[in-house]
Every structure is written in C-alpha cells, then in structure tokens.
Amino acid sequence: MTKHECAVVTAYTDVSMLKGDDLKYLYDYLSGFIGRPVYTHELSVVALHYREQIREDFLALCRNAKEDDDG
C-alpha cells in the first residue's frame, strides 16, 4: 500500500495509518479538495465535508486491490 493510499484510508476511516513526516500525505490529499493547504484543526471538517468523494477514492482502492503474492 502506498502512502497516498494510506492517506485515503485514514481520511475515510479516521484510523491513522500515517505518523511523523508521513502525515504530509494526508494533508496533501485533503488539500487537494479545498485548493489550499489544510491545517490540523481543519482535518476532520474537511474530511467530513468531502466524505462522498473520499468514499469513492476508498472504494476505488478496494476495487483495485491486487491479489496477495502468496495467494
């Protein structure tokens, strides 16, 4: 899973899959919706406002999931 994909999952589920410097992927992802940098205090508001678009991105990840290499 890529860091961008982790950002999508985090935005949709509110389960943090990123930490430290990798949080920039979440900020960048959500900033793409509002056309400017998103700030920490805005994360949940932006994610809620764009819930349907985030849901579509989340479902696209699920639909495009690859088989396990072991499987």
Protein backbone atom coordinates (compact mmCIF):
# COMPACT_ATOMS: atom_id res chain seq x y z
CA MET A 1 0.00 0.00 0.00
CA THR A 2 1.34 3.43 -0.91
CA LYS A 3 1.47 6.41 1.45
CA HIS A 4 -1.21 8.11 -0.67
CA GLU A 5 -3.44 5.06 -0.27
CA CYS A 6 -2.84 5.19 3.49
CA ALA A 7 -3.94 8.84 3.41
CA VAL A 8 -7.18 7.88 1.66
CA VAL A 9 -7.90 5.13 4.19
CA THR A 10 -7.08 7.47 7.08
CA ALA A 11 -9.34 10.21 5.72
CA TYR A 12 -12.21 7.78 5.23
CA THR A 13 -11.94 5.64 8.37
CA ASP A 14 -10.36 8.14 10.79
CA VAL A 15 -7.88 5.39 11.70
CA SER A 16 -4.41 6.87 11.46
CA MET A 17 -2.17 4.84 9.19
CA LEU A 18 0.48 7.56 8.97
CA LYS A 19 2.71 9.21 11.54
CA GLY A 20 5.50 11.74 11.72
CA ASP A 21 6.65 13.14 8.40
CA ASP A 22 4.34 10.75 6.54
CA LEU A 23 1.32 12.76 7.72
CA LYS A 24 2.15 15.13 4.86
CA TYR A 25 0.38 12.65 2.57
CA LEU A 26 -2.89 13.11 4.47
CA TYR A 27 -2.51 16.89 4.45
CA ASP A 28 -1.71 16.88 0.72
CA TYR A 29 -4.65 14.60 -0.07
CA LEU A 30 -7.15 16.75 1.82
CA SER A 31 -5.60 19.96 0.50
CA GLY A 32 -6.45 18.76 -2.99
CA PHE A 33 -10.14 19.08 -2.16
CA ILE A 34 -10.02 22.64 -0.89
CA GLY A 35 -7.34 24.03 -3.20
CA ARG A 36 -5.10 25.32 -0.42
CA PRO A 37 -3.11 23.92 2.47
CA VAL A 38 -5.23 22.24 5.12
CA TYR A 39 -4.39 22.86 8.76
CA THR A 40 -4.51 20.39 11.62
CA HIS A 41 -7.63 21.91 13.17
CA GLU A 42 -9.42 21.57 9.81
CA LEU A 43 -8.69 17.90 9.09
CA SER A 44 -11.91 16.44 10.43
CA VAL A 45 -14.09 19.23 8.99
CA VAL A 46 -12.59 18.84 5.51
CA ALA A 47 -12.83 15.05 5.66
CA LEU A 48 -16.49 15.28 6.70
CA HIS A 49 -17.35 17.87 4.06
CA TYR A 50 -15.76 15.79 1.27
CA ARG A 51 -16.91 12.45 2.69
CA GLU A 52 -18.55 11.24 -0.53
CA GLN A 53 -15.50 11.98 -2.71
CA ILE A 54 -13.23 10.36 -0.13
CA ARG A 55 -15.59 7.37 -0.03
CA GLU A 56 -15.26 6.98 -3.81
CA ASP A 57 -11.46 7.05 -3.55
CA PHE A 58 -11.61 4.50 -0.72
CA LEU A 59 -13.89 2.17 -2.68
CA ALA A 60 -11.67 2.51 -5.75
CA LEU A 61 -8.74 1.28 -3.64
CA CYS A 62 -10.79 -1.71 -2.56
CA ARG A 63 -11.98 -2.49 -6.09
CA ASN A 64 -8.46 -2.24 -7.49
CA ALA A 65 -6.78 -4.29 -4.75
CA LYS A 66 -4.27 -6.79 -6.04
CA GLU A 67 -4.04 -10.43 -5.09
CA ASP A 68 -1.57 -11.38 -2.37
CA ASP A 69 1.76 -12.52 -3.76
CA ASP A 70 1.42 -15.65 -1.63
CA GLY A 71 -2.04 -16.47 -2.92
